Amino acid sequence: MKIGDYATVIAVIAGAMGLLLLFAPGVLKRLNELSARMIARIDTVTFSYRIGFGVSLIIASLFMFFMAYYFKVKGR
C-alpha cells in the first residue's frame, strides 16, 4: 500500500467516527460495548464533548482526504 492509500483509510475511519459522534452517539456507545473485550473502551469524556470531537474528526478526515489526493498526484 502506498501512503495515499493509508491516508484514505484513516480519513474514512475518522469521518465515520465523527459523523457517528455528531448524529448517532447511541450507535457508537453500543458499538463500544460490543467491542469492549477486544478494544479499549472509549472514554466518557469523548461523549461529554461529542460535538467538539465529532467536528474535529470530520476536519481531520477532510485533511486526510486532501493528503491522499496530494500523494496520488505526486506519485507516492
PDB file of N, CA and C in Angstrom:
ATOM      1  N   MET A   1       0.836  -1.189   0.000  1.00  0.00           N
ATOM      2  CA  MET A   1       0.000   0.000   0.000  1.00  0.00           C
ATOM      3  C   MET A   1       0.873   1.242   0.000  1.00  0.00           C
ATOM      4  N   LYS A   2       0.434   2.220  -0.742  1.00  0.00           N
ATOM      5  CA  LYS A   2       1.138   3.493  -0.771  1.00  0.00           C
ATOM      6  C   LYS A   2       0.618   4.378   0.353  1.00  0.00           C
ATOM      7  N   ILE A   3       1.348   5.446   0.621  1.00  0.00           N
ATOM      8  CA  ILE A   3       0.977   6.337   1.728  1.00  0.00           C
ATOM      9  C   ILE A   3      -0.374   7.005   1.479  1.00  0.00           C
ATOM     10  N   GLY A   4      -0.716   7.256   0.222  1.00  0.00           N
ATOM     11  CA  GLY A   4      -2.023   7.826  -0.090  1.00  0.00           C
ATOM     12  C   GLY A   4      -3.160   6.892   0.265  1.00  0.00           C
ATOM     13  N   ASP A   5      -2.914   5.589   0.119  1.00  0.00           N
ATOM     14  CA  ASP A   5      -3.941   4.604   0.489  1.00  0.00           C
ATOM     15  C   ASP A   5      -4.161   4.586   1.996  1.00  0.00           C
ATOM     16  N   TYR A   6      -3.077   4.683   2.762  1.00  0.00           N
ATOM     17  CA  TYR A   6      -3.206   4.757   4.225  1.00  0.00           C
ATOM     18  C   TYR A   6      -3.967   6.014   4.639  1.00  0.00           C
ATOM     19  N   ALA A   7      -3.658   7.135   3.980  1.00  0.00           N
ATOM     20  CA  ALA A   7      -4.348   8.382   4.295  1.00  0.00           C
ATOM     21  C   ALA A   7      -5.839   8.256   4.016  1.00  0.00           C
ATOM     22  N   THR A   8      -6.199   7.579   2.939  1.00  0.00           N
ATOM     23  CA  THR A   8      -7.609   7.391   2.616  1.00  0.00           C
ATOM     24  C   THR A   8      -8.313   6.534   3.662  1.00  0.00           C
ATOM     25  N   VAL A   9      -7.673   5.471   4.100  1.00  0.00           N
ATOM     26  CA  VAL A   9      -8.257   4.600   5.124  1.00  0.00           C
ATOM     27  C   VAL A   9      -8.458   5.375   6.426  1.00  0.00           C
ATOM     28  N   ILE A  10      -7.452   6.134   6.832  1.00  0.00           N
ATOM     29  CA  ILE A  10      -7.563   6.931   8.060  1.00  0.00           C
ATOM     30  C   ILE A  10      -8.670   7.966   7.923  1.00  0.00           C
ATOM     31  N   ALA A  11      -8.778   8.581   6.739  1.00  0.00           N
ATOM     32  CA  ALA A  11      -9.808   9.597   6.514  1.00  0.00           C
ATOM     33  C   ALA A  11     -11.206   8.993   6.617  1.00  0.00           C
ATOM     34  N   VAL A  12     -11.402   7.815   6.077  1.00  0.00           N
ATOM     35  CA  VAL A  12     -12.715   7.166   6.135  1.00  0.00           C
ATOM     36  C   VAL A  12     -13.080   6.821   7.576  1.00  0.00           C
ATOM     37  N   ILE A  13     -12.129   6.283   8.319  1.00  0.00           N
ATOM     38  CA  ILE A  13     -12.394   5.924   9.725  1.00  0.00           C
ATOM     39  C   ILE A  13     -12.700   7.169  10.554  1.00  0.00           C
ATOM     40  N   ALA A  14     -11.887   8.216  10.389  1.00  0.00           N
ATOM     41  CA  ALA A  14     -12.109   9.456  11.152  1.00  0.00           C
ATOM     42  C   ALA A  14     -13.436  10.088  10.778  1.00  0.00           C
ATOM     43  N   GLY A  15     -13.772  10.088   9.501  1.00  0.00           N
ATOM     44  CA  GLY A  15     -15.052  10.660   9.067  1.00  0.00           C
ATOM     45  C   GLY A  15     -16.235   9.895   9.620  1.00  0.00           C
ATOM     46  N   ALA A  16     -16.145   8.578   9.589  1.00  0.00           N
ATOM     47  CA  ALA A  16     -17.246   7.762  10.121  1.00  0.00           C
ATOM     48  C   ALA A  16     -17.419   7.984  11.617  1.00  0.00           C
ATOM     49  N   MET A  17     -16.312   8.013  12.350  1.00  0.00           N
ATOM     50  CA  MET A  17     -16.403   8.248  13.794  1.00  0.00           C
ATOM     51  C   MET A  17     -16.961   9.642  14.091  1.00  0.00           C
ATOM     52  N   GLY A  18     -16.527  10.641  13.339  1.00  0.00           N
ATOM     53  CA  GLY A  18     -17.033  11.995  13.536  1.00  0.00           C
ATOM     54  C   GLY A  18     -18.524  12.093  13.282  1.00  0.00           C
ATOM     55  N   LEU A  19     -18.981  11.480  12.196  1.00  0.00           N
ATOM     56  CA  LEU A  19     -20.411  11.509  11.897  1.00  0.00           C
ATOM     57  C   LEU A  19     -21.222  10.756  12.945  1.00  0.00           C
ATOM     58  N   LEU A  20     -20.701   9.637  13.422  1.00  0.00           N
ATOM     59  CA  LEU A  20     -21.402   8.900  14.478  1.00  0.00           C
ATOM     60  C   LEU A  20     -21.472   9.718  15.761  1.00  0.00           C
ATOM     61  N   LEU A  21     -20.397  10.409  16.118  1.00  0.00           N
ATOM     62  CA  LEU A  21     -20.418  11.227  17.329  1.00  0.00           C
ATOM     63  C   LEU A  21     -21.425  12.366  17.214  1.00  0.00           C
ATOM     64  N   LEU A  22     -21.559  12.939  16.018  1.00  0.00           N
ATOM     65  CA  LEU A  22     -22.478  14.059  15.854  1.00  0.00           C
ATOM     66  C   LEU A  22     -23.933  13.625  15.742  1.00  0.00           C
ATOM     67  N   PHE A  23     -24.192  12.588  14.954  1.00  0.00           N
ATOM     68  CA  PHE A  23     -25.570  12.280  14.614  1.00  0.00           C
ATOM     69  C   PHE A  23     -26.131  11.014  15.265  1.00  0.00           C
ATOM     70  N   ALA A  24     -25.276  10.113  15.716  1.00  0.00           N
ATOM     71  CA  ALA A  24     -25.775   8.868  16.308  1.00  0.00           C
ATOM     72  C   ALA A  24     -24.861   8.404  17.443  1.00  0.00           C
ATOM     73  N   PRO A  25     -24.761   9.188  18.523  1.00  0.00           N
ATOM     74  CA  PRO A  25     -23.867   8.778  19.605  1.00  0.00           C
ATOM     75  C   PRO A  25     -24.304   7.474  20.274  1.00  0.00           C
ATOM     76  N   GLY A  26     -25.595   7.175  20.252  1.00  0.00           N
ATOM     77  CA  GLY A  26     -26.075   5.927  20.846  1.00  0.00           C
ATOM     78  C   GLY A  26     -25.534   4.703  20.109  1.00  0.00           C
ATOM     79  N   VAL A  27     -25.446   4.804  18.791  1.00  0.00           N
ATOM     80  CA  VAL A  27     -24.901   3.705  17.997  1.00  0.00           C
ATOM     81  C   VAL A  27     -23.446   3.483  18.354  1.00  0.00           C
ATOM     82  N   LEU A  28     -22.701   4.580  18.506  1.00  0.00           N
ATOM     83  CA  LEU A  28     -21.284   4.474  18.860  1.00  0.00           C
ATOM     84  C   LEU A  28     -21.107   3.875  20.250  1.00  0.00           C
ATOM     85  N   LYS A  29     -22.005   4.223  21.177  1.00  0.00           N
ATOM     86  CA  LYS A  29     -21.930   3.626  22.514  1.00  0.00           C
ATOM     87  C   LYS A  29     -22.191   2.127  22.469  1.00  0.00           C
ATOM     88  N   ARG A  30     -23.173   1.706  21.651  1.00  0.00           N
ATOM     89  CA  ARG A  30     -23.457   0.271  21.528  1.00  0.00           C
ATOM     90  C   ARG A  30     -22.293  -0.468  20.881  1.00  0.00           C
ATOM     91  N   LEU A  31     -21.691   0.144  19.861  1.00  0.00           N
ATOM     92  CA  LEU A  31     -20.519  -0.478  19.232  1.00  0.00           C
ATOM     93  C   LEU A  31     -19.370  -0.591  20.229  1.00  0.00           C
ATOM     94  N   ASN A  32     -19.236   0.416  21.077  1.00  0.00           N
ATOM     95  CA  ASN A  32     -18.189   0.391  22.092  1.00  0.00           C
ATOM     96  C   ASN A  32     -18.428  -0.740  23.093  1.00  0.00           C
ATOM     97  N   GLU A  33     -19.670  -0.929  23.483  1.00  0.00           N
ATOM     98  CA  GLU A  33     -19.977  -2.006  24.429  1.00  0.00           C
ATOM     99  C   GLU A  33     -19.729  -3.377  23.801  1.00  0.00           C
ATOM    100  N   LEU A  34     -20.025  -3.520  22.513  1.00  0.00           N
ATOM    101  CA  LEU A  34     -19.795  -4.793  21.838  1.00  0.00           C
ATOM    102  C   LEU A  34     -18.312  -5.094  21.666  1.00  0.00           C
ATOM    103  N   SER A  35     -17.527  -4.052  21.437  1.00  0.00           N
ATOM    104  CA  SER A  35     -16.103  -4.271  21.183  1.00  0.00           C
ATOM    105  C   SER A  35     -15.236  -4.052  22.416  1.00  0.00           C
ATOM    106  N   ALA A  36     -15.840  -3.891  23.568  1.00  0.00           N
ATOM    107  CA  ALA A  36     -15.080  -3.588  24.780  1.00  0.00           C
ATOM    108  C   ALA A  36     -14.104  -4.691  25.156  1.00  0.00           C
ATOM    109  N   ARG A  37     -14.392  -5.899  24.770  1.00  0.00           N
ATOM    110  CA  ARG A  37     -13.499  -7.005  25.122  1.00  0.00           C
ATOM    111  C   ARG A  37     -12.241  -7.008  24.272  1.00  0.00           C
ATOM    112  N   MET A  38     -12.321  -6.492  23.046  1.00  0.00           N
ATOM    113  CA  MET A  38     -11.172  -6.522  22.145  1.00  0.00           C
ATOM    114  C   MET A  38     -10.427  -5.198  22.091  1.00  0.00           C
ATOM    115  N   ILE A  39     -11.129  -4.104  22.206  1.00  0.00           N
ATOM    116  CA  ILE A  39     -10.552  -2.773  22.042  1.00  0.00           C
ATOM    117  C   ILE A  39     -10.813  -1.982  23.323  1.00  0.00           C
ATOM    118  N   ALA A  40      -9.916  -1.069  23.637  1.00  0.00           N
ATOM    119  CA  ALA A  40     -10.085  -0.234  24.830  1.00  0.00           C
ATOM    120  C   ALA A  40     -11.387   0.570  24.727  1.00  0.00           C
ATOM    121  N   ARG A  41     -12.027   0.750  25.833  1.00  0.00           N
ATOM    122  CA  ARG A  41     -13.294   1.480  25.871  1.00  0.00           C
ATOM    123  C   ARG A  41     -13.072   2.954  25.553  1.00  0.00           C
ATOM    124  N   ILE A  42     -14.026   3.535  24.841  1.00  0.00           N
ATOM    125  CA  ILE A  42     -13.967   4.964  24.538  1.00  0.00           C
ATOM    126  C   ILE A  42     -14.252   5.716  25.826  1.00  0.00           C
ATOM    127  N   ASP A  43     -13.432   6.683  26.100  1.00  0.00           N
ATOM    128  CA  ASP A  43     -13.533   7.433  27.345  1.00  0.00           C
ATOM    129  C   ASP A  43     -14.852   8.196  27.411  1.00  0.00           C
ATOM    130  N   THR A  44     -15.404   8.310  28.597  1.00  0.00           N
ATOM    131  CA  THR A  44     -16.666   9.023  28.764  1.00  0.00           C
ATOM    132  C   THR A  44     -16.519  10.510  28.465  1.00  0.00           C
ATOM    133  N   VAL A  45     -15.302  11.024  28.566  1.00  0.00           N
ATOM    134  CA  VAL A  45     -15.064  12.433  28.222  1.00  0.00           C
ATOM    135  C   VAL A  45     -15.387  12.673  26.750  1.00  0.00           C
ATOM    136  N   THR A  46     -15.099  11.685  25.909  1.00  0.00           N
ATOM    137  CA  THR A  46     -15.384  11.818  24.482  1.00  0.00           C
ATOM    138  C   THR A  46     -16.865  12.060  24.259  1.00  0.00           C
ATOM    139  N   PHE A  47     -17.706  11.366  25.009  1.00  0.00           N
ATOM    140  CA  PHE A  47     -19.140  11.539  24.835  1.00  0.00           C
ATOM    141  C   PHE A  47     -19.654  12.824  25.476  1.00  0.00           C
ATOM    142  N   SER A  48     -18.983  13.313  26.485  1.00  0.00           N
ATOM    143  CA  SER A  48     -19.440  14.569  27.076  1.00  0.00           C
ATOM    144  C   SER A  48     -19.103  15.760  26.179  1.00  0.00           C
ATOM    145  N   TYR A  49     -18.072  15.628  25.356  1.00  0.00           N
ATOM    146  CA  TYR A  49     -17.702  16.674  24.399  1.00  0.00           C
ATOM    147  C   TYR A  49     -17.850  16.145  22.970  1.00  0.00           C
ATOM    148  N   ARG A  50     -18.920  15.425  22.706  1.00  0.00           N
ATOM    149  CA  ARG A  50     -19.064  14.713  21.449  1.00  0.00           C
ATOM    150  C   ARG A  50     -19.142  15.630  20.238  1.00  0.00           C
ATOM    151  N   ILE A  51     -19.718  16.800  20.352  1.00  0.00           N
ATOM    152  CA  ILE A  51     -19.824  17.706  19.210  1.00  0.00           C
ATOM    153  C   ILE A  51     -18.439  18.224  18.819  1.00  0.00           C
ATOM    154  N   GLY A  52     -17.655  18.624  19.791  1.00  0.00           N
ATOM    155  CA  GLY A  52     -16.292  19.084  19.502  1.00  0.00           C
ATOM    156  C   GLY A  52     -15.423  17.994  18.911  1.00  0.00           C
ATOM    157  N   PHE A  53     -15.498  16.798  19.497  1.00  0.00           N
ATOM    158  CA  PHE A  53     -14.730  15.671  18.967  1.00  0.00           C
ATOM    159  C   PHE A  53     -15.219  15.286  17.571  1.00  0.00           C
ATOM    160  N   GLY A  54     -16.517  15.295  17.364  1.00  0.00           N
ATOM    161  CA  GLY A  54     -17.070  14.929  16.063  1.00  0.00           C
ATOM    162  C   GLY A  54     -16.644  15.886  14.965  1.00  0.00           C
ATOM    163  N   VAL A  55     -16.732  17.177  15.241  1.00  0.00           N
ATOM    164  CA  VAL A  55     -16.314  18.181  14.255  1.00  0.00           C
ATOM    165  C   VAL A  55     -14.813  18.072  13.994  1.00  0.00           C
ATOM    166  N   SER A  56     -14.040  17.866  15.049  1.00  0.00           N
ATOM    167  CA  SER A  56     -12.589  17.719  14.891  1.00  0.00           C
ATOM    168  C   SER A  56     -12.239  16.505  14.035  1.00  0.00           C
ATOM    169  N   LEU A  57     -12.930  15.392  14.234  1.00  0.00           N
ATOM    170  CA  LEU A  57     -12.673  14.194  13.434  1.00  0.00           C
ATOM    171  C   LEU A  57     -13.063  14.395  11.976  1.00  0.00           C
ATOM    172  N   ILE A  58     -14.147  15.113  11.729  1.00  0.00           N
ATOM    173  CA  ILE A  58     -14.535  15.379  10.348  1.00  0.00           C
ATOM    174  C   ILE A  58     -13.514  16.283   9.665  1.00  0.00           C
ATOM    175  N   ILE A  59     -13.006  17.286  10.370  1.00  0.00           N
ATOM    176  CA  ILE A  59     -11.961  18.151   9.814  1.00  0.00           C
ATOM    177  C   ILE A  59     -10.696  17.339   9.536  1.00  0.00           C
ATOM    178  N   ALA A  60     -10.321  16.469  10.470  1.00  0.00           N
ATOM    179  CA  ALA A  60      -9.155  15.606  10.254  1.00  0.00           C
ATOM    180  C   ALA A  60      -9.379  14.687   9.064  1.00  0.00           C
ATOM    181  N   SER A  61     -10.593  14.197   8.904  1.00  0.00           N
ATOM    182  CA  SER A  61     -10.922  13.335   7.773  1.00  0.00           C
ATOM    183  C   SER A  61     -10.769  14.085   6.455  1.00  0.00           C
ATOM    184  N   LEU A  62     -11.270  15.301   6.394  1.00  0.00           N
ATOM    185  CA  LEU A  62     -11.131  16.107   5.176  1.00  0.00           C
ATOM    186  C   LEU A  62      -9.661  16.374   4.867  1.00  0.00           C
ATOM    187  N   PHE A  63      -8.866  16.659   5.890  1.00  0.00           N
ATOM    188  CA  PHE A  63      -7.444  16.882   5.698  1.00  0.00           C
ATOM    189  C   PHE A  63      -6.766  15.623   5.158  1.00  0.00           C
ATOM    190  N   MET A  64      -7.136  14.462   5.690  1.00  0.00           N
ATOM    191  CA  MET A  64      -6.523  13.214   5.239  1.00  0.00           C
ATOM    192  C   MET A  64      -6.940  12.884   3.801  1.00  0.00           C
ATOM    193  N   PHE A  65      -8.184  13.211   3.421  1.00  0.00           N
ATOM    194  CA  PHE A  65      -8.574  13.026   2.027  1.00  0.00           C
ATOM    195  C   PHE A  65      -7.741  13.927   1.118  1.00  0.00           C
ATOM    196  N   PHE A  66      -7.495  15.175   1.556  1.00  0.00           N
ATOM    197  CA  PHE A  66      -6.637  16.069   0.788  1.00  0.00           C
ATOM    198  C   PHE A  66      -5.234  15.500   0.669  1.00  0.00           C
ATOM    199  N   MET A  67      -4.691  14.980   1.766  1.00  0.00           N
ATOM    200  CA  MET A  67      -3.341  14.414   1.729  1.00  0.00           C
ATOM    201  C   MET A  67      -3.288  13.192   0.819  1.00  0.00           C
ATOM    202  N   ALA A  68      -4.316  12.358   0.832  1.00  0.00           N
ATOM    203  CA  ALA A  68      -4.359  11.194  -0.053  1.00  0.00           C
ATOM    204  C   ALA A  68      -4.351  11.647  -1.510  1.00  0.00           C
ATOM    205  N   TYR A  69      -5.131  12.676  -1.823  1.00  0.00           N
ATOM    206  CA  TYR A  69      -5.149  13.222  -3.181  1.00  0.00           C
ATOM    207  C   TYR A  69      -3.779  13.782  -3.550  1.00  0.00           C
ATOM    208  N   TYR A  70      -3.170  14.508  -2.641  1.00  0.00           N
ATOM    209  CA  TYR A  70      -1.851  15.099  -2.883  1.00  0.00           C
ATOM    210  C   TYR A  70      -0.812  14.012  -3.146  1.00  0.00           C
ATOM    211  N   PHE A  71      -0.808  12.956  -2.347  1.00  0.00           N
ATOM    212  CA  PHE A  71       0.161  11.883  -2.537  1.00  0.00           C
ATOM    213  C   PHE A  71      -0.080  11.136  -3.854  1.00  0.00           C
ATOM    214  N   LYS A  72      -1.337  11.002  -4.263  1.00  0.00           N
ATOM    215  CA  LYS A  72      -1.610  10.336  -5.536  1.00  0.00           C
ATOM    216  C   LYS A  72      -1.140  11.194  -6.703  1.00  0.00           C
ATOM    217  N   VAL A  73      -1.293  12.516  -6.589  1.00  0.00           N
ATOM    218  CA  VAL A  73      -0.820  13.415  -7.643  1.00  0.00           C
ATOM    219  C   VAL A  73       0.707  13.399  -7.712  1.00  0.00           C
ATOM    220  N   LYS A  74       1.357  13.373  -6.569  1.00  0.00           N
ATOM    221  CA  LYS A  74       2.816  13.354  -6.525  1.00  0.00           C
ATOM    222  C   LYS A  74       3.396  11.975  -6.833  1.00  0.00           C
ATOM    223  N   GLY A  75       2.577  10.939  -6.826  1.00  0.00           N
ATOM    224  CA  GLY A  75       3.024   9.603  -7.182  1.00  0.00           C
ATOM    225  C   GLY A  75       3.669   8.836  -6.045  1.00  0.00           C
ATOM    226  N   ARG A  76       3.304   9.109  -4.830  1.00  0.00           N
ATOM    227  CA  ARG A  76       3.872   8.381  -3.678  1.00  0.00           C
ATOM    228  C   ARG A  76       2.971   7.287  -3.246  1.00  0.00           C
TER     229      ARG A  76
END
